[in-house]
Amino acid sequence: MSYVADKIIINGNIHTMDDINVKAEALAIYGDKIIAVGSNADIQMFAGDNTQIIDAKDQLVLPGFQDTHLHFQATSADFFHYVALHEMKTMDDLLNEIERFSREHPHKKWIKGIGFNPAIFNENTLTKERLDAVTGGRPALIFSFDYHSGWANSEAFRVAGVTAASPEPASGSYARCPDGSPKGYIYEDAIWAMNGASPSFSNEDYSEGMQHYCKVFNQHGITGILDAAAARKAMENYQALNQQGQLTLRVAATSKIFAHLPLDEQMQELLSMRETYADDMVKLHSAKFFLDGVLESGTATLLEPRCDTGSTAALMFDQPQINAFFAAFDKEKFQLHVHTIGDGAVNAALNGIEYARQMNGAWDSRHQLAHIQLVTEDDFPRFKQLGVYGNVQPLWAQPDPDNDRVALEMLGEERCRQIFPIAELVRQGMVCALSSDWGVSTFDPFAIMQTALTRQGSGANENSPAHNPQYRIDIDTAIKGYTINAARAAWREKTTGSLTVGKFADLIILNQDLYSISPYEIENTKVLLTLLGGKEVYRDASC
């Protein structure tokens, strides 16, 4: 059957990410699919009177980027409606910004914020009294940039009913005064216990934030995401946005599993959600496990004790429970998506996946570990042996005086030289997807890819300090980590991830060739055009 294309892209420097047809000049689109890829002459045959011709002018054309570990819905709402504190480096700056926000939003029942750095601000500095002084008697809850720590004022603790007699929540804790009363600082799941006492976002709040950031993501070349912790309400909101025609990102999702809740109850909920949300725009396919926290708050699980305290944080699931839960979800053909920072958590996750394989047999599960800040030497080859994907956030692998100081005190010099060993994991055969963990850090794929190649920060050059430069990756690995490998990680490589006949026409045109420019120029890349299913969702004003 012959088609007259709706759109044709010609004169492109097309890198397809398809191993059979690696490069091309042109492609044709009919409806939402690619119908031909080849030379200009080949593709011109599909042109008709009404075909839109897009001249790429020799610019780089790639599949749309996919960010397969972020918290899109929650962060969209948080960033759209809360006070942003990511740039605050001193206590005065932090307090002044919260006071300004509180003053300018007199009708908000709670003062909420996001972004403080727990490597700078800790339980000794973020007391409830300091927050009381700038929030005018209203309850206040502030999240750290990584959502693993929080800060609340006296009124928030009163409303939440947290007193000296209150028990610690499962997988979380409150910093305490000598009399046992809450001090102000909050760790891990205690944050969400506190947050439950505050007003929830409305559906309109979520929709407003998501519509805004869908457009922003498209502007940065992103056409697909994986929400790393989406409960049923989040999936309902994604589906509603799609039905309204406002969702311009393909959404895959994983839903959080809790150690303190019954396995059967959680299994039934995920089975129901997987059946309900299973189309090309909104689907749930995996189970999310937090096995540990983060280094900055001391909640990462290490195989060897910390240098400064001689201790380590406990796993959020013990190993027998990990084995049982992993085997159960693996048996039902759910992908496992596991938060692992410390080498103790990485080891426990790999043990659980190995146990699940022994119980259920091997299958193309593509279970993945996210973050992977530390890996013990014996665990490197197990990724390939078990078919486990790595879902890494390279932006974190750059010099940072505050975080580096915390890591050095906690781990010592030798273990610090092993942080974020992305290149070694790839060298040993791990399939690698790159992602952002937004809103922990920027979602900008160009900044993230630049750091993956340089292990240096924005504005750096060849002579700037680098963070463990032995773990740099190359540009081909980085781009595959945002395209075909990301699609594989999200179980959607049959329809996305490469510019292949029969797949969705999700693609981007860039203003410079990532393969030929200096790594230090990648962060300056601009997207000229983004198509999702053949539909234009972003066009630069210069085009």
Protein backbone atom coordinates (compact mmCIF):
# COMPACT_ATOMS: atom_id res chain seq x y z
CA MET A 1 0.00 0.00 0.00
CA SER A 2 1.41 3.43 -0.93
CA TYR A 3 0.89 6.55 1.18
CA VAL A 4 1.04 10.26 0.56
CA ALA A 5 2.87 11.58 3.57
CA ASP A 6 1.40 14.22 5.86
CA LYS A 7 4.90 15.48 6.66
CA ILE A 8 8.34 14.96 5.17
CA ILE A 9 11.63 15.94 6.77
CA ILE A 10 14.42 16.44 4.22
CA ASN A 11 18.09 17.48 4.32
CA GLY A 12 18.52 16.08 7.81
CA ASN A 13 21.53 14.74 9.65
CA ILE A 14 19.34 11.94 10.97
CA HIS A 15 20.73 9.56 13.58
CA THR A 16 17.97 6.99 13.83
CA MET A 17 19.18 4.91 16.82
CA ASP A 18 18.19 1.95 14.64
CA ASP A 19 21.11 -0.48 14.29
CA ILE A 20 19.96 -1.60 10.83
CA ASN A 21 19.51 1.85 9.29
CA VAL A 22 21.81 4.05 11.36
CA LYS A 23 21.83 7.32 9.41
CA ALA A 24 19.53 8.94 6.87
CA GLU A 25 18.77 12.22 5.13
CA ALA A 26 15.01 12.19 5.22
CA LEU A 27 11.89 10.54 6.58
CA ALA A 28 8.16 10.53 5.88
CA ILE A 29 5.28 10.65 8.35
CA TYR A 30 1.68 9.56 7.82
CA GLY A 31 -0.69 10.11 10.72
CA ASP A 32 1.30 9.53 13.89
CA LYS A 33 3.80 7.02 12.43
CA ILE A 34 7.00 7.01 10.42
CA ILE A 35 6.35 5.35 7.04
CA ALA A 36 9.75 5.68 5.36
CA VAL A 37 13.36 6.53 6.23
CA GLY A 38 16.08 7.04 3.62
CA SER A 39 17.62 9.49 1.19
CA ASN A 40 16.06 12.75 0.05
CA ALA A 41 15.27 11.16 -3.29
CA ASP A 42 13.63 8.14 -1.66
CA ILE A 43 11.42 10.22 0.59
CA GLN A 44 10.39 12.83 -1.99
CA MET A 45 8.38 10.04 -3.62
CA PHE A 46 5.94 10.25 -0.67
CA ALA A 47 5.20 13.93 -1.21
CA GLY A 48 1.79 15.11 -2.40
CA ASP A 49 0.11 18.45 -2.92
CA ASN A 50 -0.78 18.79 0.77
CA THR A 51 2.37 17.30 2.26
CA GLN A 52 4.20 19.59 4.70
CA ILE A 53 7.90 19.72 3.82
CA ILE A 54 10.24 20.41 6.72
CA ASP A 55 13.77 21.32 5.66
CA ALA A 56 16.13 20.30 8.47
CA LYS A 57 18.96 22.27 6.83
CA ASP A 58 21.56 19.63 7.71
CA GLN A 59 20.77 19.90 11.42
CA LEU A 60 20.86 16.90 13.75
CA VAL A 61 17.60 14.93 13.91
CA LEU A 62 17.11 12.46 16.76
CA PRO A 63 14.29 10.47 18.35
CA GLY A 64 12.55 12.46 21.05
CA PHE A 65 14.28 12.22 24.41
CA GLN A 66 12.74 10.14 27.18
CA ASP A 67 13.41 10.87 30.85
CA THR A 68 12.78 7.56 32.59
CA HIS A 69 13.11 8.59 36.22
CA LEU A 70 11.48 11.76 37.46
CA HIS A 71 8.50 12.92 39.52
CA PHE A 72 6.70 14.92 36.88
CA GLN A 73 3.22 15.44 38.27
CA ALA A 74 4.23 16.12 41.86
CA THR A 75 7.13 18.37 40.89
CA SER A 76 5.08 20.28 38.31
CA ALA A 77 2.59 21.19 41.03
CA ASP A 78 5.28 21.88 43.64
CA PHE A 79 7.32 24.15 41.38
CA PHE A 80 4.23 25.94 40.10
CA HIS A 81 2.66 26.58 43.53
CA TYR A 82 5.48 26.52 46.18
CA VAL A 83 8.34 28.83 47.09
CA ALA A 84 11.54 27.71 45.31
CA LEU A 85 14.63 27.59 47.52
CA HIS A 86 17.18 25.78 45.36
CA GLU A 87 19.53 28.76 45.05
CA MET A 88 19.58 29.63 48.74
CA LYS A 89 23.07 29.14 50.26
CA THR A 90 22.77 30.99 53.60
CA MET A 91 20.25 30.92 56.42
CA ASP A 92 19.42 34.59 55.89
CA ASP A 93 18.67 33.99 52.21
CA LEU A 94 16.52 30.97 53.06
CA LEU A 95 14.49 32.80 55.70
CA ASN A 96 14.12 35.99 53.68
CA GLU A 97 12.75 34.10 50.68
CA ILE A 98 10.24 32.18 52.81
CA GLU A 99 9.17 35.40 54.53
CA ARG A 100 8.67 37.12 51.15
CA PHE A 101 6.58 34.24 49.84
CA SER A 102 4.50 34.15 53.03
CA ARG A 103 3.87 37.90 52.85
CA GLU A 104 2.92 37.82 49.16
CA HIS A 105 0.52 34.89 49.56
CA PRO A 106 -1.64 35.85 52.57
CA HIS A 107 -4.52 33.53 51.59
CA LYS A 108 -2.50 30.29 51.55
CA LYS A 109 -3.51 28.12 54.50
CA TRP A 110 -0.05 26.48 54.59
CA ILE A 111 3.32 27.85 53.53
CA LYS A 112 5.00 25.16 51.42
CA GLY A 113 8.45 25.23 49.83
CA ILE A 114 10.94 23.09 47.98
CA GLY A 115 14.67 23.08 47.40
CA PHE A 116 16.87 23.52 50.50
CA ASN A 117 20.16 21.62 50.39
CA PRO A 118 20.58 19.18 53.33
CA ALA A 119 24.36 19.31 52.86
CA ILE A 120 24.19 22.99 53.89
CA PHE A 121 21.20 23.04 56.24
CA ASN A 122 20.66 20.30 58.83
CA GLU A 123 18.67 19.49 61.95
CA ASN A 124 20.81 21.82 64.06
CA THR A 125 20.09 24.85 61.90
CA LEU A 126 16.57 24.21 60.59
CA THR A 127 14.62 24.49 63.83
CA LYS A 128 10.90 25.02 64.08
CA GLU A 129 11.44 28.34 65.87
CA ARG A 130 13.36 29.79 62.91
CA LEU A 131 10.56 28.83 60.57
CA ASP A 132 7.96 30.16 63.02
CA ALA A 133 9.58 33.60 62.78
CA VAL A 134 8.90 34.00 59.03
CA THR A 135 5.56 32.26 58.52
CA GLY A 136 3.18 34.45 60.51
CA GLY A 137 1.58 31.74 62.61
CA ARG A 138 0.49 29.62 59.64
CA PRO A 139 1.67 26.00 59.42
CA ALA A 140 4.71 25.55 57.17
CA LEU A 141 6.41 22.55 55.59
CA ILE A 142 9.53 22.85 53.46
CA PHE A 143 11.05 20.00 51.40
CA SER A 144 14.73 19.52 50.66
CA PHE A 145 15.70 19.47 47.00
CA ASP A 146 15.79 15.64 47.02
CA TYR A 147 12.57 15.17 49.04
CA HIS A 148 14.44 13.01 51.58
CA SER A 149 14.46 15.70 54.30
CA GLY A 150 11.98 18.29 55.45
CA TRP A 151 11.51 21.23 57.79
CA ALA A 152 8.32 22.12 59.66
CA ASN A 153 7.27 24.84 62.06
CA SER A 154 5.48 24.61 65.39
CA GLU A 155 2.01 25.09 63.94
CA ALA A 156 2.57 22.34 61.37
CA PHE A 157 3.57 19.89 64.10
CA ARG A 158 0.53 20.94 66.15
CA VAL A 159 -1.86 20.42 63.23
CA ALA A 160 -0.25 17.07 62.42
CA GLY A 161 -0.47 15.98 66.07
CA VAL A 162 3.26 15.34 66.42
CA THR A 163 4.38 15.56 70.04
CA ALA A 164 7.06 14.15 72.31
CA ALA A 165 4.87 11.07 72.72
CA SER A 166 4.39 10.47 68.98
CA PRO A 167 6.05 7.35 67.58
CA GLU A 168 8.39 7.55 64.61
CA PRO A 169 6.67 6.79 61.29
CA ALA A 170 7.74 3.68 59.39
CA SER A 171 10.90 4.41 57.35
CA GLY A 172 11.19 7.92 58.77
CA SER A 173 11.92 9.98 61.88
CA TYR A 174 11.65 13.41 63.49
CA ALA A 175 14.66 15.24 64.88
CA ARG A 176 13.92 15.60 68.59
CA CYS A 177 14.65 18.12 71.32
CA PRO A 178 16.00 16.78 74.66
CA ASP A 179 12.43 16.56 75.95
CA GLY A 180 11.38 14.48 72.93
CA SER A 181 9.37 17.19 71.23
CA PRO A 182 9.93 17.70 67.49
CA LYS A 183 12.87 19.96 66.76
CA GLY A 184 11.85 20.98 63.25
CA TYR A 185 13.84 18.73 60.92
CA ILE A 186 12.21 15.64 59.39
CA TYR A 187 13.66 12.55 57.73
CA GLU A 188 12.35 10.30 54.93
CA ASP A 189 8.75 9.05 55.24
CA ALA A 190 8.07 11.26 58.24
CA ILE A 191 7.89 14.04 55.63
CA TRP A 192 4.90 12.40 53.97
CA ALA A 193 3.20 11.78 57.31
CA MET A 194 3.49 15.52 57.94
CA ASN A 195 2.44 16.39 54.41
CA GLY A 196 -0.74 14.37 54.88
CA ALA A 197 -1.88 16.95 57.42
CA SER A 198 -1.66 19.77 54.89
CA PRO A 199 -4.19 20.59 52.16
CA SER A 200 -3.79 18.47 49.05
CA PHE A 201 -3.47 19.91 45.58
CA SER A 202 -6.72 19.98 43.69
CA ASN A 203 -7.08 18.33 40.30
CA GLU A 204 -6.98 21.83 38.82
CA ASP A 205 -3.72 22.58 40.63
CA TYR A 206 -2.10 19.47 39.17
CA SER A 207 -3.50 20.14 35.72
CA GLU A 208 -2.27 23.71 35.71
CA GLY A 209 1.25 22.67 36.70
CA MET A 210 1.42 19.75 34.26
CA GLN A 211 0.13 21.73 31.28
CA HIS A 212 2.83 24.32 31.89
CA TYR A 213 5.68 21.84 32.26
CA CYS A 214 4.58 19.63 29.37
CA LYS A 215 5.32 22.60 27.12
CA VAL A 216 8.62 23.30 28.87
CA PHE A 217 9.71 19.68 28.51
CA ASN A 218 8.79 19.66 24.80
CA GLN A 219 10.89 22.79 24.39
CA HIS A 220 13.86 20.77 25.69
CA GLY A 221 13.25 17.87 23.31
CA ILE A 222 11.50 15.53 25.75
CA THR A 223 8.59 13.49 24.38
CA GLY A 224 8.37 10.69 26.98
CA ILE A 225 8.77 10.29 30.72
CA LEU A 226 8.56 7.70 33.46
CA ASP A 227 6.96 8.94 36.65
CA ALA A 228 8.97 7.22 39.35
CA ALA A 229 6.23 7.09 42.01
CA ALA A 230 2.69 7.48 40.72
CA ALA A 231 -0.28 6.43 42.84
CA ARG A 232 -3.76 5.93 41.39
CA LYS A 233 -4.72 9.58 41.78
CA ALA A 234 -1.70 10.61 39.72
CA MET A 235 -2.63 8.15 36.98
CA GLU A 236 -6.18 9.50 36.94
CA ASN A 237 -4.80 13.01 36.47
CA TYR A 238 -2.51 11.91 33.63
CA GLN A 239 -5.39 10.17 31.92
CA ALA A 240 -7.68 13.19 32.34
CA LEU A 241 -5.04 15.51 30.89
CA ASN A 242 -4.64 13.16 27.92
CA GLN A 243 -8.40 13.02 27.35
CA GLN A 244 -8.44 16.82 27.32
CA GLY A 245 -5.78 16.79 24.60
CA GLN A 246 -3.29 18.61 26.84
CA LEU A 247 -0.80 15.81 27.53
CA THR A 248 2.18 16.19 25.19
CA LEU A 249 4.43 13.61 26.85
CA ARG A 250 4.10 9.83 26.75
CA VAL A 251 3.78 8.74 30.38
CA ALA A 252 4.96 5.42 31.73
CA ALA A 253 4.78 4.99 35.48
CA THR A 254 5.79 2.97 38.48
CA SER A 255 3.86 2.95 41.76
CA LYS A 256 5.45 2.92 45.20
CA ILE A 257 5.39 -0.22 47.34
CA PHE A 258 5.57 0.14 51.14
CA ALA A 259 7.31 -2.19 53.57
CA HIS A 260 4.68 -1.73 56.29
CA LEU A 261 1.64 -2.54 54.11
CA PRO A 262 0.45 -6.06 53.20
CA LEU A 263 1.93 -7.49 50.02
CA ASP A 264 -1.37 -8.92 48.72
CA GLU A 265 -3.21 -5.63 49.14
CA GLN A 266 -0.55 -3.72 47.23
CA MET A 267 -0.33 -6.39 44.55
CA GLN A 268 -4.05 -6.17 43.83
CA GLU A 269 -3.86 -2.40 43.56
CA LEU A 270 -1.02 -2.55 41.02
CA LEU A 271 -2.71 -5.28 39.01
CA SER A 272 -5.82 -3.12 38.81
CA MET A 273 -3.85 -0.01 37.86
CA ARG A 274 -1.87 -1.87 35.18
CA GLU A 275 -5.10 -3.05 33.59
CA THR A 276 -6.67 0.42 33.73
CA TYR A 277 -3.70 2.39 32.44
CA ALA A 278 -2.22 0.54 29.50
CA ASP A 279 -2.22 2.68 26.35
CA ASP A 280 0.45 4.45 24.33
CA MET A 281 0.10 7.72 26.21
CA VAL A 282 -0.53 6.64 29.81
CA LYS A 283 0.53 3.29 31.24
CA LEU A 284 1.63 1.79 34.54
CA HIS A 285 3.97 -1.18 34.28
CA SER A 286 6.28 -1.38 37.28
CA ALA A 287 6.58 -1.48 41.06
CA LYS A 288 8.76 1.08 42.85
CA PHE A 289 10.83 0.21 45.90
CA PHE A 290 12.83 2.58 48.09
CA LEU A 291 15.55 0.47 49.72
CA ASP A 292 17.48 3.33 51.29
CA GLY A 293 17.66 7.11 51.43
CA VAL A 294 20.52 9.46 50.51
CA LEU A 295 24.05 10.20 51.68
CA GLU A 296 23.31 13.83 52.52
CA SER A 297 20.83 12.97 55.26
CA GLY A 298 22.71 9.89 56.43
CA THR A 299 19.98 7.49 55.31
CA ALA A 300 21.92 5.64 52.58
CA THR A 301 22.66 1.98 53.35
CA LEU A 302 26.35 1.03 53.14
CA LEU A 303 28.06 -2.35 53.18
CA GLU A 304 30.91 -0.96 55.27
CA PRO A 305 30.20 1.40 58.19
CA ARG A 306 30.54 5.14 57.84
CA CYS A 307 33.96 6.59 58.60
CA ASP A 308 32.58 9.32 60.85
CA THR A 309 30.09 7.38 62.98
CA GLY A 310 30.99 3.72 62.50
CA SER A 311 27.36 2.98 61.62
CA THR A 312 25.07 2.80 58.59
CA ALA A 313 21.40 3.31 57.93
CA ALA A 314 19.19 0.23 57.88
CA LEU A 315 17.46 -0.92 54.71
CA MET A 316 13.84 0.20 54.41
CA PHE A 317 12.95 -3.42 53.56
CA ASP A 318 15.02 -6.20 55.12
CA GLN A 319 16.50 -8.82 52.81
CA PRO A 320 13.88 -11.55 53.39
CA GLN A 321 11.12 -9.03 52.69
CA ILE A 322 12.94 -7.78 49.59
CA ASN A 323 13.18 -11.35 48.32
CA ALA A 324 9.52 -12.07 48.96
CA PHE A 325 8.20 -8.82 47.47
CA PHE A 326 10.51 -8.90 44.45
CA ALA A 327 9.62 -12.51 43.68
CA ALA A 328 5.89 -11.80 43.95
CA PHE A 329 5.91 -8.81 41.60
CA ASP A 330 8.34 -10.48 39.23
CA LYS A 331 6.01 -13.50 39.02
CA GLU A 332 3.18 -11.21 37.93
CA LYS A 333 5.47 -9.76 35.24
CA PHE A 334 5.87 -6.33 36.79
CA GLN A 335 9.11 -4.52 36.19
CA LEU A 336 10.93 -3.62 39.41
CA HIS A 337 12.19 -0.05 39.73
CA VAL A 338 14.44 0.27 42.78
CA HIS A 339 15.89 3.31 44.52
CA THR A 340 19.47 2.40 45.49
CA ILE A 341 22.05 4.93 46.67
CA GLY A 342 24.47 3.05 48.93
CA ASP A 343 26.32 -0.12 47.96
CA GLY A 344 24.37 -1.95 50.66
CA ALA A 345 21.11 -1.10 48.94
CA VAL A 346 22.52 -2.01 45.50
CA ASN A 347 23.69 -5.36 46.83
CA ALA A 348 20.35 -6.08 48.51
CA ALA A 349 18.44 -5.19 45.33
CA LEU A 350 20.59 -7.44 43.17
CA ASN A 351 20.16 -10.24 45.73
CA GLY A 352 16.40 -9.81 45.57
CA ILE A 353 16.34 -9.83 41.76
CA GLU A 354 18.53 -12.94 41.71
CA TYR A 355 16.17 -14.62 44.15
CA ALA A 356 13.15 -13.68 42.00
CA ARG A 357 14.84 -15.17 38.94
CA GLN A 358 15.56 -18.39 40.84
CA MET A 359 11.92 -18.62 41.90
CA ASN A 360 10.25 -17.61 38.63
CA GLY A 361 12.79 -18.22 35.88
CA ALA A 362 14.45 -15.64 33.67
CA TRP A 363 12.38 -13.34 31.44
CA ASP A 364 12.91 -10.01 29.69
CA SER A 365 12.07 -8.04 32.82
CA ARG A 366 14.58 -5.20 32.53
CA HIS A 367 14.37 -4.64 36.26
CA GLN A 368 16.27 -1.47 37.01
CA LEU A 369 18.20 0.17 39.78
CA ALA A 370 18.00 3.95 39.99
CA HIS A 371 20.81 6.25 41.15
CA ILE A 372 23.55 3.64 41.94
CA GLN A 373 25.85 6.05 43.77
CA LEU A 374 28.10 3.31 45.19
CA VAL A 375 28.69 -0.25 43.94
CA THR A 376 30.92 -2.87 45.50
CA GLU A 377 33.36 -4.50 43.07
CA ASP A 378 31.69 -7.91 43.20
CA ASP A 379 28.34 -6.43 42.15
CA PHE A 380 29.46 -4.77 38.89
CA PRO A 381 29.13 -7.91 36.71
CA ARG A 382 25.80 -8.88 38.25
CA PHE A 383 23.93 -6.21 36.30
CA LYS A 384 24.65 -7.94 32.99
CA GLN A 385 24.29 -11.42 34.48
CA LEU A 386 20.81 -10.62 35.79
CA GLY A 387 19.71 -8.40 32.89
CA VAL A 388 19.36 -5.43 35.24
CA TYR A 389 19.29 -1.94 33.73
CA GLY A 390 20.93 1.07 35.31
CA ASN A 391 18.87 4.25 35.54
CA VAL A 392 21.42 6.94 36.33
CA GLN A 393 21.41 10.70 36.94
CA PRO A 394 24.79 11.96 35.66
CA LEU A 395 24.17 15.58 36.64
CA TRP A 396 24.96 14.62 40.23
CA ALA A 397 28.44 13.46 39.18
CA GLN A 398 30.06 16.89 39.22
CA PRO A 399 32.12 18.70 41.84
CA ASP A 400 29.94 20.15 44.59
CA PRO A 401 31.77 21.50 47.67
CA ASP A 402 28.87 20.97 50.07
CA ASN A 403 27.89 17.46 48.98
CA ASP A 404 31.52 16.40 48.46
CA ARG A 405 32.37 17.43 52.02
CA VAL A 406 29.53 15.32 53.41
CA ALA A 407 30.56 12.34 51.30
CA LEU A 408 34.22 12.62 52.31
CA GLU A 409 33.41 12.71 56.01
CA MET A 410 31.05 9.79 55.65
CA LEU A 411 32.94 7.55 53.22
CA GLY A 412 36.62 8.53 53.27
CA GLU A 413 38.81 9.19 50.24
CA GLU A 414 38.92 5.66 48.81
CA ARG A 415 35.16 5.14 48.66
CA CYS A 416 34.62 8.71 47.40
CA ARG A 417 36.69 7.80 44.34
CA GLN A 418 34.03 5.19 43.53
CA ILE A 419 30.99 7.49 43.49
CA PHE A 420 28.65 7.27 40.45
CA PRO A 421 30.70 4.68 38.51
CA ILE A 422 28.59 5.00 35.35
CA ALA A 423 31.31 4.20 32.79
CA GLU A 424 32.44 1.09 34.69
CA LEU A 425 28.88 -0.23 34.79
CA VAL A 426 28.54 0.35 31.06
CA ARG A 427 31.94 -1.24 30.39
CA GLN A 428 30.81 -4.35 32.23
CA GLY A 429 27.71 -4.66 30.07
CA MET A 430 24.96 -2.79 31.88
CA VAL A 431 22.27 -1.19 29.69
CA CYS A 432 22.19 2.44 30.76
CA ALA A 433 19.28 4.90 30.70
CA LEU A 434 20.00 8.54 31.57
CA SER A 435 17.46 10.56 33.53
CA SER A 436 17.06 13.58 35.81
CA ASP A 437 15.08 12.67 38.94
CA TRP A 438 13.37 16.04 38.49
CA GLY A 439 12.60 17.95 40.76
CA VAL A 440 15.72 16.83 42.65
CA SER A 441 17.71 18.52 39.88
CA THR A 442 17.18 20.05 36.45
CA PHE A 443 15.45 18.01 33.77
CA ASP A 444 17.51 19.66 30.97
CA PRO A 445 18.90 16.69 28.99
CA PHE A 446 21.69 18.76 27.45
CA ALA A 447 23.10 19.84 30.81
CA ILE A 448 22.82 16.25 32.01
CA MET A 449 24.56 14.80 28.94
CA GLN A 450 27.35 17.36 29.19
CA THR A 451 28.04 16.34 32.77
CA ALA A 452 27.93 12.67 31.79
CA LEU A 453 30.75 13.34 29.32
CA THR A 454 32.81 15.76 31.41
CA ARG A 455 32.00 14.99 35.07
CA GLN A 456 32.21 18.77 35.49
CA GLY A 457 29.71 21.52 36.16
CA SER A 458 28.11 24.13 33.93
CA GLY A 459 30.58 26.56 32.37
CA ALA A 460 33.56 24.26 32.97
CA ASN A 461 36.47 23.72 30.58
CA GLU A 462 39.19 21.09 30.13
CA ASN A 463 41.16 22.48 33.07
CA SER A 464 38.29 22.68 35.55
CA PRO A 465 38.03 20.23 38.46
CA ALA A 466 36.26 16.98 37.57
CA HIS A 467 34.41 14.47 39.71
CA ASN A 468 35.90 10.98 39.28
CA PRO A 469 36.72 11.59 35.59
CA GLN A 470 37.54 7.89 35.12
CA TYR A 471 33.78 7.34 34.96
CA ARG A 472 33.06 9.63 31.98
CA ILE A 473 30.94 8.17 29.17
CA ASP A 474 30.92 9.04 25.46
CA ILE A 475 28.29 10.92 23.48
CA ASP A 476 26.87 7.81 21.79
CA THR A 477 26.21 6.17 25.18
CA ALA A 478 24.63 9.39 26.45
CA ILE A 479 22.28 9.85 23.48
CA LYS A 480 21.26 6.19 23.54
CA GLY A 481 20.60 6.65 27.26
CA TYR A 482 17.99 9.27 26.37
CA THR A 483 16.54 7.51 23.31
CA ILE A 484 16.58 3.79 22.54
CA ASN A 485 17.86 2.63 25.93
CA ALA A 486 15.38 4.89 27.69
CA ALA A 487 12.60 3.42 25.55
CA ARG A 488 13.74 -0.09 26.44
CA ALA A 489 13.83 0.82 30.13
CA ALA A 490 10.22 2.01 29.90
CA TRP A 491 9.11 -1.06 27.89
CA ARG A 492 8.15 1.02 24.85
CA GLU A 493 10.99 0.41 22.39
CA LYS A 494 8.57 -1.31 19.98
CA THR A 495 6.87 2.02 19.34
CA THR A 496 9.45 4.70 20.30
CA GLY A 497 13.15 5.30 20.91
CA SER A 498 14.35 5.10 17.30
CA LEU A 499 13.35 6.63 13.98
CA THR A 500 12.17 3.38 12.45
CA VAL A 501 9.35 2.64 10.02
CA GLY A 502 6.22 1.75 11.98
CA LYS A 503 7.17 3.62 15.14
CA PHE A 504 5.61 6.83 16.38
CA ALA A 505 6.99 9.99 14.80
CA ASP A 506 8.43 11.31 18.06
CA LEU A 507 11.47 13.33 17.01
CA ILE A 508 13.50 16.47 17.54
CA ILE A 509 15.68 18.76 15.41
CA LEU A 510 18.60 20.44 17.17
CA ASN A 511 20.66 23.51 16.33
CA GLN A 512 24.03 21.77 16.65
CA ASP A 513 25.53 18.33 16.10
CA LEU A 514 26.09 16.69 19.48
CA TYR A 515 28.41 14.16 17.86
CA SER A 516 30.90 16.71 16.54
CA ILE A 517 30.91 19.64 18.96
CA SER A 518 33.04 19.93 22.09
CA PRO A 519 31.43 18.30 25.14
CA TYR A 520 31.61 21.71 26.80
CA GLU A 521 29.18 23.12 24.23
CA ILE A 522 26.42 20.54 24.72
CA GLU A 523 24.61 22.52 27.43
CA ASN A 524 24.07 25.36 24.93
CA THR A 525 22.10 23.17 22.52
CA LYS A 526 18.67 24.42 21.51
CA VAL A 527 15.74 22.42 20.20
CA LEU A 528 14.36 23.80 16.94
CA LEU A 529 11.39 21.46 16.52
CA THR A 530 9.69 18.73 18.55
CA LEU A 531 7.14 16.32 17.11
CA LEU A 532 5.05 13.91 19.18
CA GLY A 533 3.26 11.33 17.05
CA GLY A 534 3.87 13.55 14.04
CA LYS A 535 2.20 16.53 15.73
CA GLU A 536 4.19 19.68 16.32
CA VAL A 537 4.38 20.33 20.07
CA TYR A 538 7.24 22.85 20.01
CA ARG A 539 8.84 25.08 17.40
CA ASP A 540 11.61 27.57 18.12
CA ALA A 541 10.79 31.14 17.14
CA SER A 542 13.78 31.18 14.78
CA CYS A 543 12.29 28.44 12.57
